Amino acid sequence: MDEMLSKYLTPEVTAIIITVIILPILKSTTKYFVTWINTKIDSMQKNIHNDKINHYIDRAEDAVMTAVDSVSQTYVDVLKQKGEFTEDSRKEAFDKAKEQALLMISEEGKNIITEVHGDVDVWLTNKIENYVKNNKRI
């Protein structure tokens, strides 16, 4: 059997087999493999970017909640106990919460919010109002 193989599998025949059969197969499988790898890399980069976005937005939302809770405890609750919580003091409480939240949100966080939601000021205003509304239900 070895004699027969060596008789027909000469170096020239082996070179033809490699050139005609094996190289085209390797070329096409390599193309698909590279495409698959690039797709996986793109997917991983998107996940990393999404994780980064989610991280900064979560931190910004936490800053809003902390600021609202802080202003409520140190300002709103005191005025409510005295019966002096007016529309003007509500506006002042809102402004204080917004100012505190902005101080706690990093520049990168503000950039991410702008990238995802458009305007930091509008996003922050809506988040504060939403958080205050949800706290009233509790």
Protein backbone atom coordinates (compact mmCIF):
# COMPACT_ATOMS: atom_id res chain seq x y z
CA MET A 1 0.00 0.00 0.00
CA ASP A 2 2.84 2.40 0.87
CA GLU A 3 4.48 1.64 -2.44
CA MET A 4 1.30 2.40 -4.28
CA LEU A 5 0.81 5.70 -2.44
CA SER A 6 4.37 6.78 -3.04
CA LYS A 7 4.01 5.79 -6.72
CA TYR A 8 0.96 8.04 -7.23
CA LEU A 9 1.67 10.74 -4.64
CA THR A 10 4.70 12.17 -6.24
CA PRO A 11 5.86 15.64 -5.20
CA GLU A 12 4.27 17.03 -8.37
CA VAL A 13 0.89 15.42 -7.64
CA THR A 14 1.07 16.55 -4.02
CA ALA A 15 1.78 20.12 -5.18
CA ILE A 16 -1.21 19.97 -7.56
CA ILE A 17 -3.49 18.66 -4.79
CA ILE A 18 -2.33 21.41 -2.44
CA THR A 19 -2.75 24.09 -5.12
CA VAL A 20 -6.08 22.91 -6.55
CA ILE A 21 -7.88 21.57 -3.46
CA ILE A 22 -6.34 22.54 -0.15
CA LEU A 23 -5.40 26.18 -0.81
CA PRO A 24 -8.87 27.18 -2.10
CA ILE A 25 -10.48 25.49 0.91
CA LEU A 26 -8.12 27.30 3.28
CA LYS A 27 -8.72 30.57 1.49
CA SER A 28 -12.51 30.35 1.75
CA THR A 29 -12.51 29.11 5.35
CA THR A 30 -10.04 31.82 6.32
CA LYS A 31 -12.33 34.45 4.80
CA TYR A 32 -15.29 33.18 6.84
CA PHE A 33 -13.16 32.87 9.97
CA VAL A 34 -11.88 36.45 9.64
CA THR A 35 -15.44 37.70 9.05
CA TRP A 36 -16.64 35.79 12.12
CA ILE A 37 -13.77 37.17 14.24
CA ASN A 38 -14.49 40.73 13.08
CA THR A 39 -18.18 40.29 13.92
CA LYS A 40 -17.28 39.05 17.40
CA ILE A 41 -14.88 41.96 17.93
CA ASP A 42 -17.56 44.46 16.83
CA SER A 43 -20.06 42.84 19.17
CA MET A 44 -17.63 42.98 22.08
CA GLN A 45 -16.82 46.63 21.39
CA LYS A 46 -20.53 47.49 21.32
CA ASN A 47 -21.04 45.65 24.61
CA ILE A 48 -18.12 47.51 26.18
CA HIS A 49 -19.52 50.81 24.91
CA ASN A 50 -23.01 49.93 26.17
CA ASP A 51 -21.62 48.89 29.55
CA LYS A 52 -19.78 52.20 29.77
CA ILE A 53 -22.94 54.12 28.84
CA ASN A 54 -25.02 52.18 31.36
CA HIS A 55 -22.42 52.75 34.06
CA TYR A 56 -22.39 56.53 33.61
CA ILE A 57 -26.17 56.82 33.31
CA ASP A 58 -26.65 54.68 36.43
CA ARG A 59 -24.21 56.90 38.32
CA ALA A 60 -25.99 60.03 37.07
CA GLU A 61 -29.38 58.65 38.13
CA ASP A 62 -27.92 57.83 41.53
CA ALA A 63 -26.66 61.43 41.76
CA VAL A 64 -30.18 62.68 41.04
CA MET A 65 -31.71 60.45 43.71
CA THR A 66 -29.05 61.44 46.24
CA ALA A 67 -29.49 65.15 45.51
CA VAL A 68 -33.28 65.01 45.74
CA ASP A 69 -33.18 63.01 48.97
CA SER A 70 -30.60 65.38 50.44
CA VAL A 71 -32.56 68.54 49.57
CA SER A 72 -35.75 66.93 50.79
CA GLN A 73 -34.22 66.06 54.13
CA THR A 74 -32.39 69.32 54.76
CA TYR A 75 -34.77 71.82 53.17
CA VAL A 76 -38.18 70.56 52.07
CA ASP A 77 -39.06 68.54 55.18
CA VAL A 78 -38.16 71.46 57.46
CA LEU A 79 -40.36 73.87 55.50
CA LYS A 80 -43.22 71.36 55.35
CA GLN A 81 -43.10 70.89 59.13
CA LYS A 82 -43.39 74.64 59.55
CA GLY A 83 -46.18 74.82 56.97
CA GLU A 84 -44.04 77.15 54.87
CA PHE A 85 -43.50 75.04 51.76
CA THR A 86 -44.70 77.28 48.92
CA GLU A 87 -44.42 77.26 45.16
CA ASP A 88 -41.33 79.48 45.44
CA SER A 89 -39.69 77.13 47.93
CA ARG A 90 -40.60 74.18 45.66
CA LYS A 91 -38.75 75.92 42.82
CA GLU A 92 -35.80 76.64 45.09
CA ALA A 93 -35.70 72.99 46.23
CA PHE A 94 -35.73 71.88 42.61
CA ASP A 95 -32.86 74.26 41.76
CA LYS A 96 -30.84 73.04 44.76
CA ALA A 97 -31.34 69.40 43.79
CA LYS A 98 -30.37 70.13 40.21
CA GLU A 99 -27.25 72.01 41.29
CA GLN A 100 -26.18 69.21 43.65
CA ALA A 101 -26.82 66.53 41.02
CA LEU A 102 -24.77 68.43 38.44
CA LEU A 103 -21.88 68.65 40.90
CA MET A 104 -21.96 64.87 41.41
CA ILE A 105 -22.14 63.94 37.71
CA SER A 106 -18.72 63.73 36.07
CA GLU A 107 -17.93 65.44 32.79
CA GLU A 108 -17.76 62.03 31.14
CA GLY A 109 -21.20 61.27 32.54
CA LYS A 110 -22.55 64.56 31.18
CA ASN A 111 -21.01 63.76 27.79
CA ILE A 112 -22.62 60.30 27.78
CA ILE A 113 -26.01 61.75 28.73
CA THR A 114 -25.67 64.28 25.92
CA GLU A 115 -24.71 61.50 23.49
CA VAL A 116 -27.63 59.28 24.48
CA HIS A 117 -30.38 61.70 25.50
CA GLY A 118 -29.43 64.98 23.82
CA ASP A 119 -29.52 67.66 26.50
CA VAL A 120 -28.21 67.18 30.04
CA ASP A 121 -30.41 69.97 31.40
CA VAL A 122 -33.60 68.48 29.95
CA TRP A 123 -32.62 64.98 31.08
CA LEU A 124 -31.81 66.18 34.59
CA THR A 125 -35.01 68.20 34.89
CA ASN A 126 -37.11 65.18 33.87
CA LYS A 127 -35.21 62.80 36.16
CA ILE A 128 -35.63 65.09 39.18
CA GLU A 129 -39.34 65.59 38.50
CA ASN A 130 -39.82 61.86 37.99
CA TYR A 131 -37.96 60.95 41.16
CA VAL A 132 -39.88 63.51 43.22
CA LYS A 133 -43.19 62.23 41.80
CA ASN A 134 -42.28 58.61 42.56
CA ASN A 135 -41.25 59.55 46.10
CA LYS A 136 -44.63 61.18 46.73
CA ARG A 137 -46.32 57.83 46.00
CA ILE A 138 -44.35 56.05 48.69
